[in-house]
PDB file of N, CA and C in Angstrom:
ATOM      1  N   UNK A   1      13.910 -23.186  15.183  1.00  0.00           N
ATOM      2  CA  UNK A   1      13.305 -23.230  13.867  1.00  0.00           C
ATOM      3  C   UNK A   1      14.420 -23.209  12.830  1.00  0.00           C
ATOM      4  N   UNK A   2      14.297 -24.044  11.823  1.00  0.00           N
ATOM      5  CA  UNK A   2      15.295 -24.138  10.762  1.00  0.00           C
ATOM      6  C   UNK A   2      14.680 -23.635   9.468  1.00  0.00           C
ATOM      7  N   UNK A   3      15.430 -22.778   8.765  1.00  0.00           N
ATOM      8  CA  UNK A   3      14.962 -22.234   7.496  1.00  0.00           C
ATOM      9  C   UNK A   3      15.754 -22.868   6.361  1.00  0.00           C
ATOM     10  N   UNK A   4      15.067 -23.140   5.252  1.00  0.00           N
ATOM     11  CA  UNK A   4      15.788 -23.677   4.104  1.00  0.00           C
ATOM     12  C   UNK A   4      16.430 -22.536   3.313  1.00  0.00           C
ATOM     13  N   UNK A   5      17.248 -22.885   2.331  1.00  0.00           N
ATOM     14  CA  UNK A   5      17.995 -21.886   1.550  1.00  0.00           C
ATOM     15  C   UNK A   5      17.059 -20.899   0.853  1.00  0.00           C
ATOM     16  N   UNK A   6      15.944 -21.388   0.309  1.00  0.00           N
ATOM     17  CA  UNK A   6      15.005 -20.510  -0.401  1.00  0.00           C
ATOM     18  C   UNK A   6      14.346 -19.504   0.535  1.00  0.00           C
ATOM     19  N   UNK A   7      14.015 -19.924   1.747  1.00  0.00           N
ATOM     20  CA  UNK A   7      13.409 -19.012   2.724  1.00  0.00           C
ATOM     21  C   UNK A   7      14.395 -17.933   3.157  1.00  0.00           C
ATOM     22  N   UNK A   8      15.646 -18.316   3.344  1.00  0.00           N
ATOM     23  CA  UNK A   8      16.682 -17.342   3.717  1.00  0.00           C
ATOM     24  C   UNK A   8      16.902 -16.359   2.574  1.00  0.00           C
ATOM     25  N   UNK A   9      16.967 -16.872   1.356  1.00  0.00           N
ATOM     26  CA  UNK A   9      17.158 -16.013   0.183  1.00  0.00           C
ATOM     27  C   UNK A   9      16.000 -15.019   0.048  1.00  0.00           C
ATOM     28  N   UNK A  10      14.766 -15.493   0.214  1.00  0.00           N
ATOM     29  CA  UNK A  10      13.588 -14.622   0.109  1.00  0.00           C
ATOM     30  C   UNK A  10      13.619 -13.543   1.187  1.00  0.00           C
ATOM     31  N   UNK A  11      14.003 -13.894   2.397  1.00  0.00           N
ATOM     32  CA  UNK A  11      14.075 -12.911   3.486  1.00  0.00           C
ATOM     33  C   UNK A  11      15.122 -11.848   3.192  1.00  0.00           C
ATOM     34  N   UNK A  12      16.255 -12.243   2.632  1.00  0.00           N
ATOM     35  CA  UNK A  12      17.299 -11.272   2.279  1.00  0.00           C
ATOM     36  C   UNK A  12      16.814 -10.308   1.198  1.00  0.00           C
ATOM     37  N   UNK A  13      16.077 -10.838   0.230  1.00  0.00           N
ATOM     38  CA  UNK A  13      15.544  -9.989  -0.837  1.00  0.00           C
ATOM     39  C   UNK A  13      14.594  -8.946  -0.261  1.00  0.00           C
ATOM     40  N   UNK A  14      13.709  -9.361   0.629  1.00  0.00           N
ATOM     41  CA  UNK A  14      12.754  -8.429   1.239  1.00  0.00           C
ATOM     42  C   UNK A  14      13.494  -7.357   2.021  1.00  0.00           C
ATOM     43  N   UNK A  15      14.484  -7.757   2.811  1.00  0.00           N
ATOM     44  CA  UNK A  15      15.250  -6.780   3.586  1.00  0.00           C
ATOM     45  C   UNK A  15      15.990  -5.807   2.682  1.00  0.00           C
ATOM     46  N   UNK A  16      16.592  -6.312   1.616  1.00  0.00           N
ATOM     47  CA  UNK A  16      17.322  -5.442   0.688  1.00  0.00           C
ATOM     48  C   UNK A  16      16.379  -4.484  -0.027  1.00  0.00           C
ATOM     49  N   UNK A  17      15.177  -4.936  -0.364  1.00  0.00           N
ATOM     50  CA  UNK A  17      14.200  -4.063  -1.044  1.00  0.00           C
ATOM     51  C   UNK A  17      13.865  -2.863  -0.176  1.00  0.00           C
ATOM     52  N   UNK A  18      13.702  -3.083   1.107  1.00  0.00           N
ATOM     53  CA  UNK A  18      13.257  -2.003   1.985  1.00  0.00           C
ATOM     54  C   UNK A  18      14.326  -0.935   2.173  1.00  0.00           C
ATOM     55  N   UNK A  19      15.585  -1.250   1.852  1.00  0.00           N
ATOM     56  CA  UNK A  19      16.676  -0.288   2.029  1.00  0.00           C
ATOM     57  C   UNK A  19      17.125   0.344   0.717  1.00  0.00           C
ATOM     58  N   UNK A  20      16.556  -0.063  -0.369  1.00  0.00           N
ATOM     59  CA  UNK A  20      16.957   0.439  -1.680  1.00  0.00           C
ATOM     60  C   UNK A  20      16.004   1.558  -2.104  1.00  0.00           C
ATOM     61  N   UNK A  21      16.508   2.826  -2.174  1.00  0.00           N
ATOM     62  CA  UNK A  21      15.631   3.954  -2.525  1.00  0.00           C
ATOM     63  C   UNK A  21      14.963   3.807  -3.895  1.00  0.00           C
ATOM     64  N   UNK A  22      15.657   3.238  -4.864  1.00  0.00           N
ATOM     65  CA  UNK A  22      15.069   3.078  -6.203  1.00  0.00           C
ATOM     66  C   UNK A  22      13.876   2.129  -6.154  1.00  0.00           C
ATOM     67  N   UNK A  23      13.991   1.074  -5.376  1.00  0.00           N
ATOM     68  CA  UNK A  23      12.896   0.118  -5.250  1.00  0.00           C
ATOM     69  C   UNK A  23      11.730   0.755  -4.511  1.00  0.00           C
ATOM     70  N   UNK A  24      12.021   1.475  -3.434  1.00  0.00           N
ATOM     71  CA  UNK A  24      10.946   2.139  -2.686  1.00  0.00           C
ATOM     72  C   UNK A  24      10.221   3.140  -3.587  1.00  0.00           C
ATOM     73  N   UNK A  25      10.960   3.888  -4.417  1.00  0.00           N
ATOM     74  CA  UNK A  25      10.336   4.842  -5.329  1.00  0.00           C
ATOM     75  C   UNK A  25       9.456   4.123  -6.341  1.00  0.00           C
ATOM     76  N   UNK A  26       9.938   2.998  -6.876  1.00  0.00           N
ATOM     77  CA  UNK A  26       9.129   2.215  -7.806  1.00  0.00           C
ATOM     78  C   UNK A  26       7.851   1.743  -7.123  1.00  0.00           C
ATOM     79  N   UNK A  27       7.984   1.225  -5.893  1.00  0.00           N
ATOM     80  CA  UNK A  27       6.824   0.726  -5.163  1.00  0.00           C
ATOM     81  C   UNK A  27       5.793   1.827  -4.948  1.00  0.00           C
ATOM     82  N   UNK A  28       6.250   3.033  -4.569  1.00  0.00           N
ATOM     83  CA  UNK A  28       5.326   4.153  -4.354  1.00  0.00           C
ATOM     84  C   UNK A  28       4.635   4.530  -5.666  1.00  0.00           C
ATOM     85  N   UNK A  29       5.400   4.597  -6.737  1.00  0.00           N
ATOM     86  CA  UNK A  29       4.840   4.941  -8.040  1.00  0.00           C
ATOM     87  C   UNK A  29       3.807   3.908  -8.473  1.00  0.00           C
ATOM     88  N   UNK A  30       4.137   2.641  -8.289  1.00  0.00           N
ATOM     89  CA  UNK A  30       3.218   1.561  -8.651  1.00  0.00           C
ATOM     90  C   UNK A  30       1.933   1.647  -7.838  1.00  0.00           C
ATOM     91  N   UNK A  31       2.053   1.830  -6.526  1.00  0.00           N
ATOM     92  CA  UNK A  31       0.867   1.891  -5.676  1.00  0.00           C
ATOM     93  C   UNK A  31       0.021   3.123  -6.005  1.00  0.00           C
ATOM     94  N   UNK A  32       0.648   4.257  -6.295  1.00  0.00           N
ATOM     95  CA  UNK A  32      -0.111   5.440  -6.696  1.00  0.00           C
ATOM     96  C   UNK A  32      -0.885   5.177  -7.977  1.00  0.00           C
ATOM     97  N   UNK A  33      -0.265   4.435  -8.886  1.00  0.00           N
ATOM     98  CA  UNK A  33      -0.942   4.073 -10.135  1.00  0.00           C
ATOM     99  C   UNK A  33      -2.149   3.175  -9.851  1.00  0.00           C
ATOM    100  N   UNK A  34      -1.990   2.239  -8.932  1.00  0.00           N
ATOM    101  CA  UNK A  34      -3.095   1.349  -8.565  1.00  0.00           C
ATOM    102  C   UNK A  34      -4.234   2.137  -7.902  1.00  0.00           C
ATOM    103  N   UNK A  35      -3.892   3.088  -7.065  1.00  0.00           N
ATOM    104  CA  UNK A  35      -4.908   3.917  -6.409  1.00  0.00           C
ATOM    105  C   UNK A  35      -5.689   4.702  -7.457  1.00  0.00           C
ATOM    106  N   UNK A  36      -4.968   5.325  -8.381  1.00  0.00           N
ATOM    107  CA  UNK A  36      -5.624   6.091  -9.447  1.00  0.00           C
ATOM    108  C   UNK A  36      -6.531   5.197 -10.281  1.00  0.00           C
ATOM    109  N   UNK A  37      -6.044   4.025 -10.642  1.00  0.00           N
ATOM    110  CA  UNK A  37      -6.837   3.098 -11.444  1.00  0.00           C
ATOM    111  C   UNK A  37      -8.099   2.631 -10.733  1.00  0.00           C
ATOM    112  N   UNK A  38      -7.986   2.346  -9.445  1.00  0.00           N
ATOM    113  CA  UNK A  38      -9.155   1.910  -8.679  1.00  0.00           C
ATOM    114  C   UNK A  38     -10.179   3.040  -8.543  1.00  0.00           C
ATOM    115  N   UNK A  39      -9.700   4.259  -8.348  1.00  0.00           N
ATOM    116  CA  UNK A  39     -10.623   5.401  -8.254  1.00  0.00           C
ATOM    117  C   UNK A  39     -11.352   5.620  -9.576  1.00  0.00           C
ATOM    118  N   UNK A  40     -10.617   5.522 -10.684  1.00  0.00           N
ATOM    119  CA  UNK A  40     -11.243   5.680 -12.003  1.00  0.00           C
ATOM    120  C   UNK A  40     -12.274   4.573 -12.248  1.00  0.00           C
ATOM    121  N   UNK A  41     -11.941   3.360 -11.856  1.00  0.00           N
ATOM    122  CA  UNK A  41     -12.876   2.245 -12.028  1.00  0.00           C
ATOM    123  C   UNK A  41     -14.149   2.474 -11.221  1.00  0.00           C
ATOM    124  N   UNK A  42     -14.007   2.978  -9.991  1.00  0.00           N
ATOM    125  CA  UNK A  42     -15.189   3.254  -9.164  1.00  0.00           C
ATOM    126  C   UNK A  42     -16.083   4.320  -9.787  1.00  0.00           C
ATOM    127  N   UNK A  43     -15.480   5.359 -10.340  1.00  0.00           N
ATOM    128  CA  UNK A  43     -16.268   6.412 -10.991  1.00  0.00           C
ATOM    129  C   UNK A  43     -17.065   5.824 -12.154  1.00  0.00           C
ATOM    130  N   UNK A  44     -16.409   5.006 -12.979  1.00  0.00           N
ATOM    131  CA  UNK A  44     -17.083   4.404 -14.131  1.00  0.00           C
ATOM    132  C   UNK A  44     -18.171   3.416 -13.694  1.00  0.00           C
ATOM    133  N   UNK A  45     -17.859   2.601 -12.697  1.00  0.00           N
ATOM    134  CA  UNK A  45     -18.853   1.646 -12.209  1.00  0.00           C
ATOM    135  C   UNK A  45     -20.074   2.364 -11.645  1.00  0.00           C
ATOM    136  N   UNK A  46     -19.849   3.390 -10.844  1.00  0.00           N
ATOM    137  CA  UNK A  46     -20.969   4.110 -10.241  1.00  0.00           C
ATOM    138  C   UNK A  46     -21.814   4.822 -11.291  1.00  0.00           C
ATOM    139  N   UNK A  47     -21.182   5.309 -12.354  1.00  0.00           N
ATOM    140  CA  UNK A  47     -21.938   5.928 -13.439  1.00  0.00           C
ATOM    141  C   UNK A  47     -22.811   4.890 -14.142  1.00  0.00           C
ATOM    142  N   UNK A  48     -22.243   3.723 -14.387  1.00  0.00           N
ATOM    143  CA  UNK A  48     -23.008   2.662 -15.060  1.00  0.00           C
ATOM    144  C   UNK A  48     -24.148   2.155 -14.186  1.00  0.00           C
ATOM    145  N   UNK A  49     -23.915   2.094 -12.880  1.00  0.00           N
ATOM    146  CA  UNK A  49     -24.975   1.651 -11.965  1.00  0.00           C
ATOM    147  C   UNK A  49     -26.202   2.544 -12.111  1.00  0.00           C
ATOM    148  N   UNK A  50     -25.992   3.837 -12.307  1.00  0.00           N
ATOM    149  CA  UNK A  50     -27.094   4.787 -12.464  1.00  0.00           C
ATOM    150  C   UNK A  50     -27.808   4.613 -13.804  1.00  0.00           C
ATOM    151  N   UNK A  51     -27.083   4.146 -14.827  1.00  0.00           N
ATOM    152  CA  UNK A  51     -27.644   4.010 -16.173  1.00  0.00           C
ATOM    153  C   UNK A  51     -28.393   2.697 -16.393  1.00  0.00           C
ATOM    154  N   UNK A  52     -27.915   1.636 -15.787  1.00  0.00           N
ATOM    155  CA  UNK A  52     -28.419   0.287 -16.060  1.00  0.00           C
ATOM    156  C   UNK A  52     -29.836   0.115 -15.525  1.00  0.00           C
ATOM    157  N   UNK A  53     -30.666  -0.557 -16.301  1.00  0.00           N
ATOM    158  CA  UNK A  53     -32.060  -0.806 -15.916  1.00  0.00           C
ATOM    159  C   UNK A  53     -32.329  -2.267 -15.589  1.00  0.00           C
ATOM    160  N   UNK A  54     -31.361  -3.132 -15.874  1.00  0.00           N
ATOM    161  CA  UNK A  54     -31.504  -4.565 -15.600  1.00  0.00           C
ATOM    162  C   UNK A  54     -31.071  -4.842 -14.157  1.00  0.00           C
ATOM    163  N   UNK A  55     -31.974  -5.410 -13.363  1.00  0.00           N
ATOM    164  CA  UNK A  55     -31.719  -5.619 -11.942  1.00  0.00           C
ATOM    165  C   UNK A  55     -30.522  -6.507 -11.648  1.00  0.00           C
ATOM    166  N   UNK A  56     -30.368  -7.605 -12.399  1.00  0.00           N
ATOM    167  CA  UNK A  56     -29.245  -8.507 -12.134  1.00  0.00           C
ATOM    168  C   UNK A  56     -27.917  -7.855 -12.509  1.00  0.00           C
ATOM    169  N   UNK A  57     -27.926  -7.055 -13.574  1.00  0.00           N
ATOM    170  CA  UNK A  57     -26.705  -6.350 -13.969  1.00  0.00           C
ATOM    171  C   UNK A  57     -26.371  -5.267 -12.944  1.00  0.00           C
ATOM    172  N   UNK A  58     -27.394  -4.585 -12.453  1.00  0.00           N
ATOM    173  CA  UNK A  58     -27.173  -3.574 -11.409  1.00  0.00           C
ATOM    174  C   UNK A  58     -26.552  -4.218 -10.177  1.00  0.00           C
ATOM    175  N   UNK A  59     -27.090  -5.362  -9.762  1.00  0.00           N
ATOM    176  CA  UNK A  59     -26.533  -6.066  -8.600  1.00  0.00           C
ATOM    177  C   UNK A  59     -25.083  -6.469  -8.834  1.00  0.00           C
ATOM    178  N   UNK A  60     -24.803  -6.952 -10.031  1.00  0.00           N
ATOM    179  CA  UNK A  60     -23.430  -7.335 -10.360  1.00  0.00           C
ATOM    180  C   UNK A  60     -22.500  -6.123 -10.289  1.00  0.00           C
ATOM    181  N   UNK A  61     -22.929  -5.019 -10.847  1.00  0.00           N
ATOM    182  CA  UNK A  61     -22.112  -3.798 -10.812  1.00  0.00           C
ATOM    183  C   UNK A  61     -21.922  -3.298  -9.385  1.00  0.00           C
ATOM    184  N   UNK A  62     -22.959  -3.396  -8.561  1.00  0.00           N
ATOM    185  CA  UNK A  62     -22.836  -2.984  -7.161  1.00  0.00           C
ATOM    186  C   UNK A  62     -21.819  -3.852  -6.422  1.00  0.00           C
ATOM    187  N   UNK A  63     -21.891  -5.153  -6.633  1.00  0.00           N
ATOM    188  CA  UNK A  63     -20.935  -6.058  -5.984  1.00  0.00           C
ATOM    189  C   UNK A  63     -19.511  -5.793  -6.464  1.00  0.00           C
ATOM    190  N   UNK A  64     -19.377  -5.545  -7.749  1.00  0.00           N
ATOM    191  CA  UNK A  64     -18.059  -5.237  -8.308  1.00  0.00           C
ATOM    192  C   UNK A  64     -17.530  -3.931  -7.733  1.00  0.00           C
ATOM    193  N   UNK A  65     -18.399  -2.940  -7.626  1.00  0.00           N
ATOM    194  CA  UNK A  65     -18.012  -1.647  -7.060  1.00  0.00           C
ATOM    195  C   UNK A  65     -17.538  -1.800  -5.620  1.00  0.00           C
ATOM    196  N   UNK A  66     -18.244  -2.611  -4.845  1.00  0.00           N
ATOM    197  CA  UNK A  66     -17.839  -2.850  -3.455  1.00  0.00           C
ATOM    198  C   UNK A  66     -16.485  -3.554  -3.398  1.00  0.00           C
ATOM    199  N   UNK A  67     -16.277  -4.490  -4.286  1.00  0.00           N
ATOM    200  CA  UNK A  67     -15.012  -5.221  -4.346  1.00  0.00           C
ATOM    201  C   UNK A  67     -13.858  -4.271  -4.696  1.00  0.00           C
ATOM    202  N   UNK A  68     -14.071  -3.412  -5.673  1.00  0.00           N
ATOM    203  CA  UNK A  68     -13.047  -2.446  -6.076  1.00  0.00           C
ATOM    204  C   UNK A  68     -12.777  -1.463  -4.932  1.00  0.00           C
ATOM    205  N   UNK A  69     -13.818  -1.072  -4.206  1.00  0.00           N
ATOM    206  CA  UNK A  69     -13.645  -0.150  -3.071  1.00  0.00           C
ATOM    207  C   UNK A  69     -12.777  -0.781  -1.978  1.00  0.00           C
ATOM    208  N   UNK A  70     -12.954  -2.068  -1.743  1.00  0.00           N
ATOM    209  CA  UNK A  70     -12.119  -2.779  -0.759  1.00  0.00           C
ATOM    210  C   UNK A  70     -10.668  -2.797  -1.234  1.00  0.00           C
ATOM    211  N   UNK A  71     -10.462  -3.076  -2.510  1.00  0.00           N
ATOM    212  CA  UNK A  71      -9.103  -3.065  -3.068  1.00  0.00           C
ATOM    213  C   UNK A  71      -8.491  -1.673  -2.958  1.00  0.00           C
ATOM    214  N   UNK A  72      -9.271  -0.655  -3.228  1.00  0.00           N
ATOM    215  CA  UNK A  72      -8.782   0.717  -3.126  1.00  0.00           C
ATOM    216  C   UNK A  72      -8.307   1.002  -1.710  1.00  0.00           C
ATOM    217  N   UNK A  73      -9.090   0.634  -0.733  1.00  0.00           N
ATOM    218  CA  UNK A  73      -8.725   0.866   0.666  1.00  0.00           C
ATOM    219  C   UNK A  73      -7.419   0.145   1.001  1.00  0.00           C
ATOM    220  N   UNK A  74      -7.290  -1.089   0.527  1.00  0.00           N
ATOM    221  CA  UNK A  74      -6.061  -1.846   0.776  1.00  0.00           C
ATOM    222  C   UNK A  74      -4.859  -1.186   0.121  1.00  0.00           C
ATOM    223  N   UNK A  75      -5.022  -0.726  -1.112  1.00  0.00           N
ATOM    224  CA  UNK A  75      -3.897  -0.085  -1.798  1.00  0.00           C
ATOM    225  C   UNK A  75      -3.514   1.216  -1.107  1.00  0.00           C
ATOM    226  N   UNK A  76      -4.504   1.963  -0.622  1.00  0.00           N
ATOM    227  CA  UNK A  76      -4.204   3.196   0.111  1.00  0.00           C
ATOM    228  C   UNK A  76      -3.457   2.892   1.409  1.00  0.00           C
ATOM    229  N   UNK A  77      -3.848   1.830   2.094  1.00  0.00           N
ATOM    230  CA  UNK A  77      -3.157   1.445   3.331  1.00  0.00           C
ATOM    231  C   UNK A  77      -1.720   1.027   3.056  1.00  0.00           C
ATOM    232  N   UNK A  78      -1.514   0.272   1.988  1.00  0.00           N
ATOM    233  CA  UNK A  78      -0.153  -0.144   1.630  1.00  0.00           C
ATOM    234  C   UNK A  78       0.683   1.065   1.256  1.00  0.00           C
ATOM    235  N   UNK A  79       0.119   1.960   0.452  1.00  0.00           N
ATOM    236  CA  UNK A  79       0.859   3.142  -0.002  1.00  0.00           C
ATOM    237  C   UNK A  79       1.296   4.012   1.171  1.00  0.00           C
ATOM    238  N   UNK A  80       0.483   4.113   2.186  1.00  0.00           N
ATOM    239  CA  UNK A  80       0.826   4.917   3.366  1.00  0.00           C
ATOM    240  C   UNK A  80       2.018   4.341   4.123  1.00  0.00           C
ATOM    241  N   UNK A  81       2.214   3.038   4.024  1.00  0.00           N
ATOM    242  CA  UNK A  81       3.310   2.389   4.738  1.00  0.00           C
ATOM    243  C   UNK A  81       4.616   2.414   3.970  1.00  0.00           C
ATOM    244  N   UNK A  82       4.602   2.847   2.715  1.00  0.00           N
ATOM    245  CA  UNK A  82       5.832   2.877   1.923  1.00  0.00           C
ATOM    246  C   UNK A  82       6.648   4.113   2.232  1.00  0.00           C
TER     247      UNK A  82
END
């Protein structure tokens, strides 16, 4: 298999990121921020779901809540690997 210059450069960047403590700290901080934001969004969405009386809006909020919950799970999984 032959790699072009851009692929080699990208691979070196990824390898260097994983060994740089400042980058790892930034990544952890960023992911923690994403986790907090997703949790806050879920709380707000679930509160609105209880308030809303329009069926189509309730369905939309439920679907959005499920989507945010999936993102939250993914961010938690990524954060655990950092």
